[in-house]
Amino acid sequence: MKGGTAIMTTTRFAAALAAAVFLLAAAPGAARAAGPLDDPGFAKVITCAACHGANGNSGSDMMPIISGLDPAYFKRQIENYAAGKRPSPEMEPYAKEVQFLGADQIAAYFAAQKRVPTPIRVSAEAAARGKTIAAQCVVCHGPDGKGEAARLIPGLAGQPPGYLAQQMALFKGDTRDPGDPLLAAKKALMKIIPDGQFADLAAYYSSLR
């Protein structure tokens, strides 16, 4: 009986060991298949994720959502930040880092991510007032606020309201991309919109889905 028990114990141990080896061998493969590290661009966007979220879906009121962003528009903004054409002491060093790591791959990574609208809520009254004001913006940003990639016009729908209102003020003061001829019409429009209406206009576009 002792010999039989020993054989049985050895057999069970061998089976358990084999199962453990199998699980260890299978686990890394499963993790790679399920995790974001599977994407070759993920390691390069870790710095971006600190502010914009792991997949570019910012939860902050002042930080833009960059998931689903058109690659050409993304790269233009990176170029402008890095060159100081879009002045930002915060973004300039990160833009240069993106260029160093590979703007094409990072732009492609964020473009491939599913955009999730901001979780920041706006009042229905503010959004309704903003909808009326937005009639002037339709020619560029479209009736649904989705923009037009071919003309490097970004979508505004679902972006954080605080960020949108901030950008409107920067356009009005010509402190965003100062002197850029591509933005002359937008800046001219912002100059005739009273500052007090920016919050309502931002609320409207932020509420679009």
N, C-alpha and C. Protein backbone atom coordinates (compact mmCIF):
# COMPACT_ATOMS: atom_id res chain seq x y z
N MET A 1 0.83 -1.20 0.00
CA MET A 1 0.00 0.00 0.00
C MET A 1 0.87 1.25 0.00
N LYS A 2 1.95 1.21 0.77
CA LYS A 2 2.81 2.39 0.82
C LYS A 2 3.38 2.68 -0.56
N GLY A 3 3.80 1.59 -1.25
CA GLY A 3 4.36 1.80 -2.59
C GLY A 3 3.32 2.36 -3.54
N GLY A 4 2.08 1.84 -3.43
CA GLY A 4 1.01 2.33 -4.30
C GLY A 4 0.68 3.77 -4.02
N THR A 5 0.68 4.12 -2.72
CA THR A 5 0.39 5.52 -2.35
C THR A 5 1.45 6.45 -2.90
N ALA A 6 2.71 6.00 -2.83
CA ALA A 6 3.81 6.83 -3.33
C ALA A 6 3.69 7.03 -4.83
N ILE A 7 3.34 5.95 -5.54
CA ILE A 7 3.19 6.05 -6.99
C ILE A 7 2.05 7.00 -7.35
N MET A 8 0.93 6.87 -6.58
CA MET A 8 -0.23 7.72 -6.83
C MET A 8 0.11 9.18 -6.58
N THR A 9 0.85 9.41 -5.46
CA THR A 9 1.23 10.78 -5.13
C THR A 9 2.13 11.37 -6.21
N THR A 10 3.09 10.54 -6.67
CA THR A 10 4.00 11.00 -7.72
C THR A 10 3.24 11.31 -9.00
N THR A 11 2.28 10.45 -9.32
CA THR A 11 1.49 10.65 -10.53
C THR A 11 0.69 11.94 -10.46
N ARG A 12 0.07 12.18 -9.27
CA ARG A 12 -0.71 13.40 -9.10
C ARG A 12 0.18 14.64 -9.19
N PHE A 13 1.38 14.53 -8.59
CA PHE A 13 2.31 15.66 -8.61
C PHE A 13 2.72 15.97 -10.05
N ALA A 14 2.99 14.90 -10.81
CA ALA A 14 3.40 15.08 -12.20
C ALA A 14 2.29 15.72 -13.02
N ALA A 15 1.06 15.30 -12.75
CA ALA A 15 -0.08 15.85 -13.48
C ALA A 15 -0.27 17.33 -13.14
N ALA A 16 -0.13 17.64 -11.83
CA ALA A 16 -0.28 19.03 -11.39
C ALA A 16 0.80 19.90 -11.98
N LEU A 17 2.04 19.36 -12.01
CA LEU A 17 3.16 20.11 -12.57
C LEU A 17 2.95 20.38 -14.06
N ALA A 18 2.46 19.36 -14.75
CA ALA A 18 2.21 19.51 -16.19
C ALA A 18 1.14 20.57 -16.44
N ALA A 19 0.11 20.56 -15.59
CA ALA A 19 -0.96 21.55 -15.73
C ALA A 19 -0.45 22.95 -15.47
N ALA A 20 0.41 23.10 -14.47
CA ALA A 20 0.96 24.41 -14.13
C ALA A 20 1.82 24.94 -15.28
N VAL A 21 2.63 24.05 -15.84
CA VAL A 21 3.48 24.46 -16.97
C VAL A 21 2.62 24.90 -18.15
N PHE A 22 1.55 24.15 -18.38
CA PHE A 22 0.65 24.50 -19.48
C PHE A 22 0.02 25.87 -19.27
N LEU A 23 -0.43 26.13 -18.03
CA LEU A 23 -1.07 27.41 -17.73
C LEU A 23 -0.09 28.56 -17.86
N LEU A 24 1.13 28.36 -17.40
CA LEU A 24 2.15 29.41 -17.50
C LEU A 24 2.48 29.70 -18.95
N ALA A 25 2.49 28.65 -19.74
CA ALA A 25 2.79 28.84 -21.16
C ALA A 25 1.65 29.53 -21.88
N ALA A 26 0.42 29.22 -21.47
CA ALA A 26 -0.74 29.78 -22.15
C ALA A 26 -1.05 31.19 -21.70
N ALA A 27 -0.78 31.51 -20.42
CA ALA A 27 -1.16 32.81 -19.86
C ALA A 27 -0.57 33.99 -20.60
N PRO A 28 0.73 34.00 -20.91
CA PRO A 28 1.27 35.16 -21.62
C PRO A 28 0.59 35.40 -22.96
N GLY A 29 0.29 34.31 -23.67
CA GLY A 29 -0.37 34.45 -24.96
C GLY A 29 -1.75 35.05 -24.81
N ALA A 30 -2.49 34.60 -23.76
CA ALA A 30 -3.83 35.12 -23.53
C ALA A 30 -3.78 36.58 -23.16
N ALA A 31 -2.78 36.94 -22.33
CA ALA A 31 -2.66 38.34 -21.91
C ALA A 31 -2.36 39.23 -23.10
N ARG A 32 -1.49 38.76 -23.99
CA ARG A 32 -1.14 39.56 -25.16
C ARG A 32 -2.34 39.76 -26.06
N ALA A 33 -3.17 38.75 -26.15
CA ALA A 33 -4.32 38.84 -27.03
C ALA A 33 -5.37 39.79 -26.48
N ALA A 34 -5.45 39.90 -25.16
CA ALA A 34 -6.53 40.68 -24.55
C ALA A 34 -6.13 42.09 -24.19
N GLY A 35 -4.82 42.34 -24.00
CA GLY A 35 -4.39 43.62 -23.46
C GLY A 35 -4.00 44.64 -24.52
N PRO A 36 -3.94 45.91 -24.13
CA PRO A 36 -3.58 46.98 -25.07
C PRO A 36 -2.14 46.91 -25.55
N LEU A 37 -1.29 46.17 -24.84
CA LEU A 37 0.11 46.08 -25.26
C LEU A 37 0.26 45.34 -26.59
N ASP A 38 -0.82 44.69 -27.04
CA ASP A 38 -0.80 44.03 -28.33
C ASP A 38 -0.58 45.04 -29.45
N ASP A 39 -1.03 46.26 -29.24
CA ASP A 39 -0.88 47.31 -30.25
C ASP A 39 0.53 47.88 -30.17
N PRO A 40 1.30 47.85 -31.26
CA PRO A 40 2.68 48.35 -31.22
C PRO A 40 2.79 49.82 -30.88
N GLY A 41 1.69 50.57 -31.05
CA GLY A 41 1.75 51.99 -30.75
C GLY A 41 1.49 52.30 -29.29
N PHE A 42 1.00 51.32 -28.51
CA PHE A 42 0.59 51.59 -27.14
C PHE A 42 1.74 52.10 -26.27
N ALA A 43 2.90 51.47 -26.39
CA ALA A 43 4.03 51.87 -25.55
C ALA A 43 4.43 53.32 -25.80
N LYS A 44 4.12 53.83 -26.98
CA LYS A 44 4.50 55.19 -27.32
C LYS A 44 3.50 56.24 -26.86
N VAL A 45 2.32 55.82 -26.41
CA VAL A 45 1.29 56.79 -26.03
C VAL A 45 1.08 56.85 -24.52
N ILE A 46 1.94 56.19 -23.77
CA ILE A 46 1.77 56.17 -22.31
C ILE A 46 1.80 57.58 -21.73
N THR A 47 2.71 58.42 -22.23
CA THR A 47 2.79 59.79 -21.74
C THR A 47 1.50 60.54 -22.05
N CYS A 48 0.97 60.36 -23.26
CA CYS A 48 -0.28 61.03 -23.66
C CYS A 48 -1.43 60.59 -22.75
N ALA A 49 -1.41 59.31 -22.38
CA ALA A 49 -2.50 58.74 -21.60
C ALA A 49 -2.63 59.38 -20.23
N ALA A 50 -1.55 59.94 -19.70
CA ALA A 50 -1.60 60.56 -18.38
C ALA A 50 -2.63 61.68 -18.33
N CYS A 51 -2.81 62.40 -19.44
CA CYS A 51 -3.78 63.50 -19.48
C CYS A 51 -5.01 63.16 -20.33
N HIS A 52 -4.79 62.50 -21.45
CA HIS A 52 -5.89 62.26 -22.40
C HIS A 52 -6.59 60.93 -22.20
N GLY A 53 -6.11 60.10 -21.27
CA GLY A 53 -6.72 58.80 -21.06
C GLY A 53 -6.00 57.73 -21.87
N ALA A 54 -6.09 56.49 -21.42
CA ALA A 54 -5.35 55.38 -22.05
C ALA A 54 -5.64 55.23 -23.53
N ASN A 55 -6.87 55.51 -23.94
CA ASN A 55 -7.22 55.38 -25.35
C ASN A 55 -7.64 56.72 -25.95
N GLY A 56 -7.28 57.80 -25.27
CA GLY A 56 -7.58 59.14 -25.79
C GLY A 56 -8.94 59.68 -25.40
N ASN A 57 -9.68 58.95 -24.57
CA ASN A 57 -11.00 59.40 -24.14
C ASN A 57 -10.90 60.11 -22.79
N SER A 58 -10.57 61.37 -22.87
CA SER A 58 -10.40 62.18 -21.67
C SER A 58 -11.70 62.29 -20.86
N GLY A 59 -11.54 62.23 -19.54
CA GLY A 59 -12.69 62.42 -18.66
C GLY A 59 -12.69 63.79 -18.03
N SER A 60 -11.72 64.62 -18.42
CA SER A 60 -11.56 65.96 -17.84
C SER A 60 -12.35 67.00 -18.63
N ASP A 61 -12.78 68.05 -17.95
CA ASP A 61 -13.53 69.12 -18.62
C ASP A 61 -12.63 69.98 -19.49
N MET A 62 -11.34 70.03 -19.18
CA MET A 62 -10.43 70.92 -19.90
C MET A 62 -9.45 70.17 -20.82
N MET A 63 -9.53 68.87 -20.87
CA MET A 63 -8.60 68.08 -21.69
C MET A 63 -9.35 67.46 -22.86
N PRO A 64 -8.96 67.74 -24.10
CA PRO A 64 -9.72 67.24 -25.25
C PRO A 64 -9.64 65.73 -25.43
N ILE A 65 -10.67 65.20 -26.03
CA ILE A 65 -10.72 63.80 -26.42
C ILE A 65 -9.99 63.68 -27.75
N ILE A 66 -9.01 62.78 -27.84
CA ILE A 66 -8.25 62.63 -29.08
C ILE A 66 -8.44 61.25 -29.71
N SER A 67 -9.25 60.41 -29.12
CA SER A 67 -9.54 59.12 -29.75
C SER A 67 -10.37 59.37 -31.00
N GLY A 68 -10.12 58.57 -32.04
CA GLY A 68 -10.87 58.71 -33.27
C GLY A 68 -10.51 59.94 -34.08
N LEU A 69 -9.47 60.66 -33.66
CA LEU A 69 -9.08 61.89 -34.36
C LEU A 69 -8.41 61.57 -35.69
N ASP A 70 -8.77 62.32 -36.72
CA ASP A 70 -8.16 62.12 -38.03
C ASP A 70 -6.64 62.25 -37.94
N PRO A 71 -5.88 61.29 -38.48
CA PRO A 71 -4.42 61.33 -38.36
C PRO A 71 -3.78 62.60 -38.91
N ALA A 72 -4.27 63.09 -40.05
CA ALA A 72 -3.68 64.29 -40.64
C ALA A 72 -3.88 65.50 -39.73
N TYR A 73 -5.06 65.60 -39.14
CA TYR A 73 -5.32 66.71 -38.22
C TYR A 73 -4.45 66.57 -36.97
N PHE A 74 -4.37 65.35 -36.45
CA PHE A 74 -3.55 65.09 -35.26
C PHE A 74 -2.11 65.52 -35.51
N LYS A 75 -1.55 65.11 -36.64
CA LYS A 75 -0.14 65.41 -36.93
C LYS A 75 0.07 66.90 -37.15
N ARG A 76 -0.90 67.58 -37.73
CA ARG A 76 -0.76 69.03 -37.92
C ARG A 76 -0.70 69.73 -36.57
N GLN A 77 -1.55 69.30 -35.63
CA GLN A 77 -1.53 69.93 -34.31
C GLN A 77 -0.20 69.65 -33.60
N ILE A 78 0.30 68.44 -33.73
CA ILE A 78 1.59 68.10 -33.12
C ILE A 78 2.70 68.96 -33.71
N GLU A 79 2.69 69.12 -35.03
CA GLU A 79 3.70 69.96 -35.69
C GLU A 79 3.62 71.40 -35.20
N ASN A 80 2.40 71.92 -35.09
CA ASN A 80 2.23 73.31 -34.66
C ASN A 80 2.64 73.50 -33.20
N TYR A 81 2.29 72.55 -32.35
CA TYR A 81 2.71 72.62 -30.94
C TYR A 81 4.24 72.59 -30.86
N ALA A 82 4.84 71.64 -31.55
CA ALA A 82 6.29 71.44 -31.47
C ALA A 82 7.06 72.67 -31.98
N ALA A 83 6.49 73.34 -32.99
CA ALA A 83 7.17 74.50 -33.58
C ALA A 83 6.80 75.81 -32.88
N GLY A 84 5.91 75.74 -31.91
CA GLY A 84 5.48 76.95 -31.22
C GLY A 84 4.44 77.75 -31.98
N LYS A 85 3.93 77.19 -33.09
CA LYS A 85 2.91 77.90 -33.86
C LYS A 85 1.56 77.87 -33.16
N ARG A 86 1.34 76.83 -32.37
CA ARG A 86 0.17 76.78 -31.50
C ARG A 86 0.74 76.85 -30.09
N PRO A 87 0.89 78.05 -29.57
CA PRO A 87 1.62 78.24 -28.31
C PRO A 87 1.01 77.49 -27.14
N SER A 88 1.83 76.69 -26.47
CA SER A 88 1.41 75.98 -25.27
C SER A 88 2.65 75.47 -24.56
N PRO A 89 3.05 76.12 -23.45
CA PRO A 89 4.22 75.64 -22.71
C PRO A 89 4.06 74.21 -22.22
N GLU A 90 2.79 73.78 -22.00
CA GLU A 90 2.55 72.42 -21.52
C GLU A 90 2.71 71.40 -22.64
N MET A 91 2.14 71.72 -23.80
CA MET A 91 2.11 70.73 -24.88
C MET A 91 3.37 70.69 -25.75
N GLU A 92 4.09 71.78 -25.82
CA GLU A 92 5.24 71.81 -26.74
C GLU A 92 6.25 70.68 -26.49
N PRO A 93 6.67 70.44 -25.24
CA PRO A 93 7.64 69.35 -25.04
C PRO A 93 7.06 67.98 -25.36
N TYR A 94 5.77 67.79 -25.08
CA TYR A 94 5.16 66.49 -25.38
C TYR A 94 5.02 66.30 -26.89
N ALA A 95 4.72 67.39 -27.60
CA ALA A 95 4.62 67.30 -29.06
C ALA A 95 5.96 66.91 -29.67
N LYS A 96 7.03 67.45 -29.13
CA LYS A 96 8.36 67.09 -29.62
C LYS A 96 8.66 65.63 -29.30
N GLU A 97 8.17 65.16 -28.17
CA GLU A 97 8.36 63.75 -27.83
C GLU A 97 7.60 62.86 -28.80
N VAL A 98 6.38 63.26 -29.16
CA VAL A 98 5.60 62.50 -30.13
C VAL A 98 6.34 62.42 -31.47
N GLN A 99 6.91 63.53 -31.89
CA GLN A 99 7.68 63.52 -33.14
C GLN A 99 8.88 62.59 -33.05
N PHE A 100 9.52 62.58 -31.91
CA PHE A 100 10.68 61.72 -31.71
C PHE A 100 10.29 60.25 -31.73
N LEU A 101 9.18 59.93 -31.10
CA LEU A 101 8.74 58.53 -31.01
C LEU A 101 8.10 58.03 -32.30
N GLY A 102 7.55 58.95 -33.07
CA GLY A 102 6.91 58.55 -34.33
C GLY A 102 5.48 59.05 -34.42
N ALA A 103 5.30 60.24 -34.98
CA ALA A 103 3.98 60.85 -35.05
C ALA A 103 3.00 60.02 -35.87
N ASP A 104 3.48 59.38 -36.93
CA ASP A 104 2.59 58.58 -37.78
C ASP A 104 1.96 57.43 -37.00
N GLN A 105 2.77 56.72 -36.25
CA GLN A 105 2.27 55.56 -35.51
C GLN A 105 1.36 55.99 -34.37
N ILE A 106 1.72 57.08 -33.69
CA ILE A 106 0.89 57.55 -32.58
C ILE A 106 -0.44 58.10 -33.09
N ALA A 107 -0.40 58.82 -34.21
CA ALA A 107 -1.63 59.33 -34.81
C ALA A 107 -2.53 58.17 -35.22
N ALA A 108 -1.94 57.13 -35.79
CA ALA A 108 -2.72 55.95 -36.22
C ALA A 108 -3.33 55.24 -35.01
N TYR A 109 -2.59 55.19 -33.92
CA TYR A 109 -3.10 54.52 -32.72
C TYR A 109 -4.37 55.21 -32.22
N PHE A 110 -4.30 56.54 -32.06
CA PHE A 110 -5.47 57.25 -31.55
C PHE A 110 -6.63 57.26 -32.55
N ALA A 111 -6.31 57.32 -33.83
CA ALA A 111 -7.35 57.29 -34.85
C ALA A 111 -8.15 55.99 -34.79
N ALA A 112 -7.48 54.91 -34.40
CA ALA A 112 -8.13 53.58 -34.36
C ALA A 112 -8.97 53.36 -33.10
N GLN A 113 -8.85 54.24 -32.13
CA GLN A 113 -9.60 54.06 -30.88
C GLN A 113 -11.04 54.54 -31.02
N LYS A 114 -11.94 53.85 -30.38
CA LYS A 114 -13.35 54.24 -30.42
C LYS A 114 -13.58 55.45 -29.53
N ARG A 115 -14.14 56.48 -30.11
CA ARG A 115 -14.38 57.71 -29.35
C ARG A 115 -15.57 57.55 -28.42
N VAL A 116 -15.38 57.95 -27.17
CA VAL A 116 -16.45 57.95 -26.18
C VAL A 116 -16.70 59.40 -25.78
N PRO A 117 -17.94 59.89 -25.91
CA PRO A 117 -18.22 61.29 -25.59
C PRO A 117 -17.86 61.63 -24.14
N THR A 118 -17.60 62.90 -23.90
CA THR A 118 -17.25 63.35 -22.56
C THR A 118 -18.31 62.98 -21.53
N PRO A 119 -17.90 62.63 -20.32
CA PRO A 119 -18.87 62.35 -19.26
C PRO A 119 -19.38 63.63 -18.59
N ILE A 120 -18.79 64.77 -18.95
CA ILE A 120 -19.20 66.05 -18.36
C ILE A 120 -20.60 66.41 -18.86
N ARG A 121 -21.50 66.67 -17.94
CA ARG A 121 -22.88 66.99 -18.29
C ARG A 121 -23.07 68.50 -18.45
N VAL A 122 -23.97 68.88 -19.37
CA VAL A 122 -24.31 70.29 -19.56
C VAL A 122 -25.82 70.43 -19.39
N SER A 123 -26.26 71.63 -19.13
CA SER A 123 -27.70 71.83 -18.95
C SER A 123 -28.39 71.86 -20.31
N ALA A 124 -29.60 71.34 -20.34
CA ALA A 124 -30.37 71.32 -21.58
C ALA A 124 -30.67 72.74 -22.06
N GLU A 125 -30.86 73.65 -21.11
CA GLU A 125 -31.15 75.04 -21.47
C GLU A 125 -29.96 75.68 -22.18
N ALA A 126 -28.75 75.44 -21.64
CA ALA A 126 -27.55 76.01 -22.26
C ALA A 126 -27.33 75.42 -23.65
N ALA A 127 -27.54 74.13 -23.79
CA ALA A 127 -27.36 73.47 -25.08
C ALA A 127 -28.36 74.01 -26.11
N ALA A 128 -29.59 74.27 -25.67
CA ALA A 128 -30.62 74.80 -26.58
C ALA A 128 -30.25 76.20 -27.05
N ARG A 129 -29.73 77.01 -26.13
CA ARG A 129 -29.30 78.35 -26.54
C ARG A 129 -28.12 78.25 -27.50
N GLY A 130 -27.23 77.33 -27.22
CA GLY A 130 -26.06 77.14 -28.07
C GLY A 130 -26.40 76.67 -29.46
N LYS A 131 -27.45 75.88 -29.58
CA LYS A 131 -27.86 75.37 -30.89
C LYS A 131 -28.20 76.51 -31.83
N THR A 132 -28.86 77.53 -31.30
CA THR A 132 -29.21 78.69 -32.12
C THR A 132 -27.96 79.44 -32.59
N ILE A 133 -27.02 79.59 -31.69
CA ILE A 133 -25.77 80.29 -32.02
C ILE A 133 -24.97 79.49 -33.05
N ALA A 134 -25.05 78.17 -32.97
CA ALA A 134 -24.24 77.28 -33.81
C ALA A 134 -24.62 77.32 -35.27
N ALA A 135 -25.72 77.98 -35.61
CA ALA A 135 -26.12 78.07 -37.02
C ALA A 135 -25.01 78.69 -37.86
N GLN A 136 -24.18 79.52 -37.25
CA GLN A 136 -23.08 80.17 -37.95
C GLN A 136 -21.89 79.22 -38.17
N CYS A 137 -21.86 78.13 -37.43
CA CYS A 137 -20.71 77.22 -37.45
C CYS A 137 -20.91 76.01 -38.38
N VAL A 138 -22.15 75.83 -38.83
CA VAL A 138 -22.51 74.64 -39.61
C VAL A 138 -21.71 74.53 -40.89
N VAL A 139 -21.40 75.65 -41.53
CA VAL A 139 -20.72 75.62 -42.82
C VAL A 139 -19.37 74.89 -42.74
N CYS A 140 -18.73 74.91 -41.60
CA CYS A 140 -17.45 74.21 -41.43
C CYS A 140 -17.58 72.92 -40.64
N HIS A 141 -18.26 72.99 -39.51
CA HIS A 141 -18.30 71.83 -38.61
C HIS A 141 -19.49 70.90 -38.88
N GLY A 142 -20.34 71.27 -39.84
CA GLY A 142 -21.45 70.40 -40.21
C GLY A 142 -22.62 70.49 -39.25
N PRO A 143 -23.78 70.01 -39.67
CA PRO A 143 -24.99 70.09 -38.83
C PRO A 143 -24.93 69.20 -37.59
N ASP A 144 -24.04 68.22 -37.61
CA ASP A 144 -23.93 67.30 -36.48
C ASP A 144 -22.64 67.50 -35.69
N GLY A 145 -21.88 68.53 -36.05
CA GLY A 145 -20.65 68.83 -35.32
C GLY A 145 -19.53 67.83 -35.54
N LYS A 146 -19.59 67.06 -36.64
CA LYS A 146 -18.58 66.02 -36.88
C LYS A 146 -17.37 66.53 -37.67
N GLY A 147 -17.43 67.77 -38.18
CA GLY A 147 -16.29 68.33 -38.89
C GLY A 147 -16.12 67.72 -40.27
N GLU A 148 -14.96 67.97 -40.88
CA GLU A 148 -14.66 67.45 -42.21
C GLU A 148 -13.17 67.18 -42.29
N ALA A 149 -12.80 65.92 -42.27
CA ALA A 149 -11.39 65.53 -42.24
C ALA A 149 -10.62 66.03 -43.45
N ALA A 150 -11.26 66.04 -44.62
CA ALA A 150 -10.57 66.45 -45.84
C ALA A 150 -10.08 67.89 -45.77
N ARG A 151 -10.77 68.71 -44.98
CA ARG A 151 -10.37 70.12 -44.83
C ARG A 151 -9.70 70.38 -43.49
N LEU A 152 -9.32 69.30 -42.83
CA LEU A 152 -8.67 69.39 -41.51
C LEU A 152 -9.53 70.13 -40.50
N ILE A 153 -10.84 69.92 -40.59
CA ILE A 153 -11.77 70.52 -39.64
C ILE A 153 -12.18 69.44 -38.65
N PRO A 154 -11.83 69.59 -37.39
CA PRO A 154 -12.10 68.52 -36.41
C PRO A 154 -13.57 68.47 -35.98
N GLY A 155 -13.97 67.32 -35.50
CA GLY A 155 -15.29 67.19 -34.93
C GLY A 155 -15.33 67.82 -33.54
N LEU A 156 -16.43 68.46 -33.23
CA LEU A 156 -16.61 69.07 -31.92
C LEU A 156 -17.59 68.28 -31.05
N ALA A 157 -18.36 67.41 -31.68
CA ALA A 157 -19.40 66.67 -30.97
C ALA A 157 -18.82 65.84 -29.84
N GLY A 158 -19.37 66.00 -28.65
CA GLY A 158 -18.97 65.19 -27.50
C GLY A 158 -17.70 65.61 -26.82
N GLN A 159 -17.09 66.70 -27.27
CA GLN A 159 -15.88 67.18 -26.60
C GLN A 159 -16.25 67.86 -25.27
N PRO A 160 -15.32 67.92 -24.32
CA PRO A 160 -15.61 68.56 -23.03
C PRO A 160 -15.98 70.03 -23.22
N PRO A 161 -17.03 70.50 -22.58
CA PRO A 161 -17.47 71.89 -22.77
C PRO A 161 -16.44 72.92 -22.33
N GLY A 162 -15.74 72.65 -21.25
CA GLY A 162 -14.73 73.59 -20.78
C GLY A 162 -13.63 73.80 -21.81
N TYR A 163 -13.19 72.71 -22.42
CA TYR A 163 -12.15 72.79 -23.44
C TYR A 163 -12.64 73.57 -24.65
N LEU A 164 -13.87 73.29 -25.10
CA LEU A 164 -14.40 73.98 -26.27
C LEU A 164 -14.50 75.49 -26.02
N ALA A 165 -15.02 75.88 -24.87
CA ALA A 165 -15.15 77.30 -24.56
C ALA A 165 -13.78 77.97 -24.49
N GLN A 166 -12.80 77.27 -23.95
CA GLN A 166 -11.44 77.82 -23.87
C GLN A 166 -10.87 78.06 -25.26
N GLN A 167 -11.06 77.11 -26.17
CA GLN A 167 -10.53 77.25 -27.52
C GLN A 167 -11.20 78.40 -28.27
N MET A 168 -12.49 78.60 -28.04
CA MET A 168 -13.19 79.72 -28.67
C MET A 168 -12.57 81.04 -28.25
N ALA A 169 -12.27 81.15 -26.97
CA ALA A 169 -11.64 82.38 -26.47
C ALA A 169 -10.25 82.57 -27.07
N LEU A 170 -9.51 81.47 -27.24
CA LEU A 170 -8.18 81.56 -27.83
C LEU A 170 -8.25 81.97 -29.30
N PHE A 171 -9.23 81.45 -30.02
CA PHE A 171 -9.42 81.84 -31.41
C PHE A 171 -9.77 83.33 -31.50
N LYS A 172 -10.66 83.76 -30.63
CA LYS A 172 -11.10 85.16 -30.66
C LYS A 172 -9.94 86.12 -30.40
N GLY A 173 -9.06 85.74 -29.51
CA GLY A 173 -7.93 86.59 -29.18
C GLY A 173 -6.72 86.37 -30.08
N ASP A 174 -6.85 85.49 -31.09
CA ASP A 174 -5.76 85.14 -32.00
C ASP A 174 -4.52 84.67 -31.24
N THR A 175 -4.76 83.97 -30.14
CA THR A 175 -3.64 83.40 -29.38
C THR A 175 -3.51 81.91 -29.61
N ARG A 176 -4.42 81.35 -30.40
CA ARG A 176 -4.25 79.96 -30.86
C ARG A 176 -3.82 80.03 -32.32
N ASP A 177 -2.70 79.43 -32.65
CA ASP A 177 -2.16 79.46 -34.00
C ASP A 177 -2.20 80.89 -34.56
N PRO A 178 -1.60 81.84 -33.86
CA PRO A 178 -1.67 83.23 -34.32
C PRO A 178 -1.15 83.41 -35.74
N GLY A 179 -1.95 84.13 -36.54
CA GLY A 179 -1.54 84.42 -37.90
C GLY A 179 -1.76 83.31 -38.90
N ASP A 180 -2.33 82.18 -38.50
CA ASP A 180 -2.56 81.06 -39.42
C ASP A 180 -3.68 81.42 -40.40
N PRO A 181 -3.38 81.51 -41.70
CA PRO A 181 -4.41 81.91 -42.67
C PRO A 181 -5.55 80.90 -42.78
N LEU A 182 -5.29 79.62 -42.46
CA LEU A 182 -6.34 78.61 -42.53
C LEU A 182 -7.42 78.83 -41.48
N LEU A 183 -7.09 79.60 -40.45
CA LEU A 183 -8.04 79.81 -39.36
C LEU A 183 -8.61 81.23 -39.35
N ALA A 184 -8.32 82.00 -40.39
CA ALA A 184 -8.76 83.40 -40.42
C ALA A 184 -10.28 83.53 -40.34
N ALA A 185 -11.00 82.70 -41.09
CA ALA A 185 -12.46 82.78 -41.10
C ALA A 185 -13.04 82.41 -39.73
N LYS A 186 -12.47 81.37 -39.12
CA LYS A 186 -12.95 80.96 -37.80
C LYS A 186 -12.75 82.07 -36.78
N LYS A 187 -11.59 82.70 -36.83
CA LYS A 187 -11.27 83.76 -35.87
C LYS A 187 -12.15 84.98 -36.09
N ALA A 188 -12.45 85.28 -37.34
CA ALA A 188 -13.34 86.41 -37.64
C ALA A 188 -14.73 86.15 -37.07
N LEU A 189 -15.19 84.90 -37.18
CA LEU A 189 -16.50 84.54 -36.64
C LEU A 189 -16.51 84.65 -35.12
N MET A 190 -15.45 84.16 -34.48
CA MET A 190 -15.37 84.21 -33.02
C MET A 190 -15.40 85.65 -32.50
N LYS A 191 -14.87 86.57 -33.30
CA LYS A 191 -14.81 87.97 -32.87
C LYS A 191 -16.19 88.63 -32.79
N ILE A 192 -17.15 88.09 -33.55
CA ILE A 192 -18.49 88.70 -33.52
C ILE A 192 -19.43 87.97 -32.55
N ILE A 193 -18.95 86.89 -31.94
CA ILE A 193 -19.75 86.19 -30.94
C ILE A 193 -19.37 86.71 -29.56
N PRO A 194 -20.34 87.21 -28.80
CA PRO A 194 -20.02 87.73 -27.46
C PRO A 194 -19.41 86.64 -26.57
N ASP A 195 -18.47 87.04 -25.75
CA ASP A 195 -17.81 86.08 -24.85
C ASP A 195 -18.82 85.29 -24.01
N GLY A 196 -19.88 85.97 -23.61
CA GLY A 196 -20.87 85.32 -22.75
C GLY A 196 -21.62 84.19 -23.42
N GLN A 197 -21.52 84.06 -24.76
CA GLN A 197 -22.22 82.98 -25.47
C GLN A 197 -21.34 81.76 -25.71
N PHE A 198 -20.07 81.88 -25.38
CA PHE A 198 -19.16 80.76 -25.62
C PHE A 198 -19.57 79.52 -24.82
N ALA A 199 -19.97 79.71 -23.58
CA ALA A 199 -20.35 78.58 -22.73
C ALA A 199 -21.55 77.84 -23.31
N ASP A 200 -22.53 78.59 -23.83
CA ASP A 200 -23.72 77.96 -24.41
C ASP A 200 -23.37 77.22 -25.70
N LEU A 201 -22.53 77.84 -26.52
CA LEU A 201 -22.12 77.21 -27.77
C LEU A 201 -21.33 75.93 -27.48
N ALA A 202 -20.47 76.00 -26.48
CA ALA A 202 -19.69 74.82 -26.08
C ALA A 202 -20.61 73.73 -25.53
N ALA A 203 -21.62 74.13 -24.77
CA ALA A 203 -22.56 73.16 -24.20
C ALA A 203 -23.32 72.42 -25.31
N TYR A 204 -23.68 73.16 -26.35
CA TYR A 204 -24.40 72.52 -27.45
C TYR A 204 -23.54 71.45 -28.13
N TYR A 205 -22.35 71.82 -28.54
CA TYR A 205 -21.50 70.86 -29.25
C TYR A 205 -21.09 69.70 -28.34
N SER A 206 -20.90 69.99 -27.08
CA SER A 206 -20.53 68.93 -26.14
C SER A 206 -21.67 67.93 -25.97
N SER A 207 -22.91 68.39 -26.12
CA SER A 207 -24.07 67.52 -25.92
C SER A 207 -24.37 66.63 -27.11
N LEU A 208 -23.78 66.93 -28.26
CA LEU A 208 -24.04 66.12 -29.46
C LEU A 208 -23.43 64.74 -29.37
N ARG A 209 -24.10 63.76 -29.89
CA ARG A 209 -23.62 62.38 -29.86
C ARG A 209 -23.67 61.76 -31.27
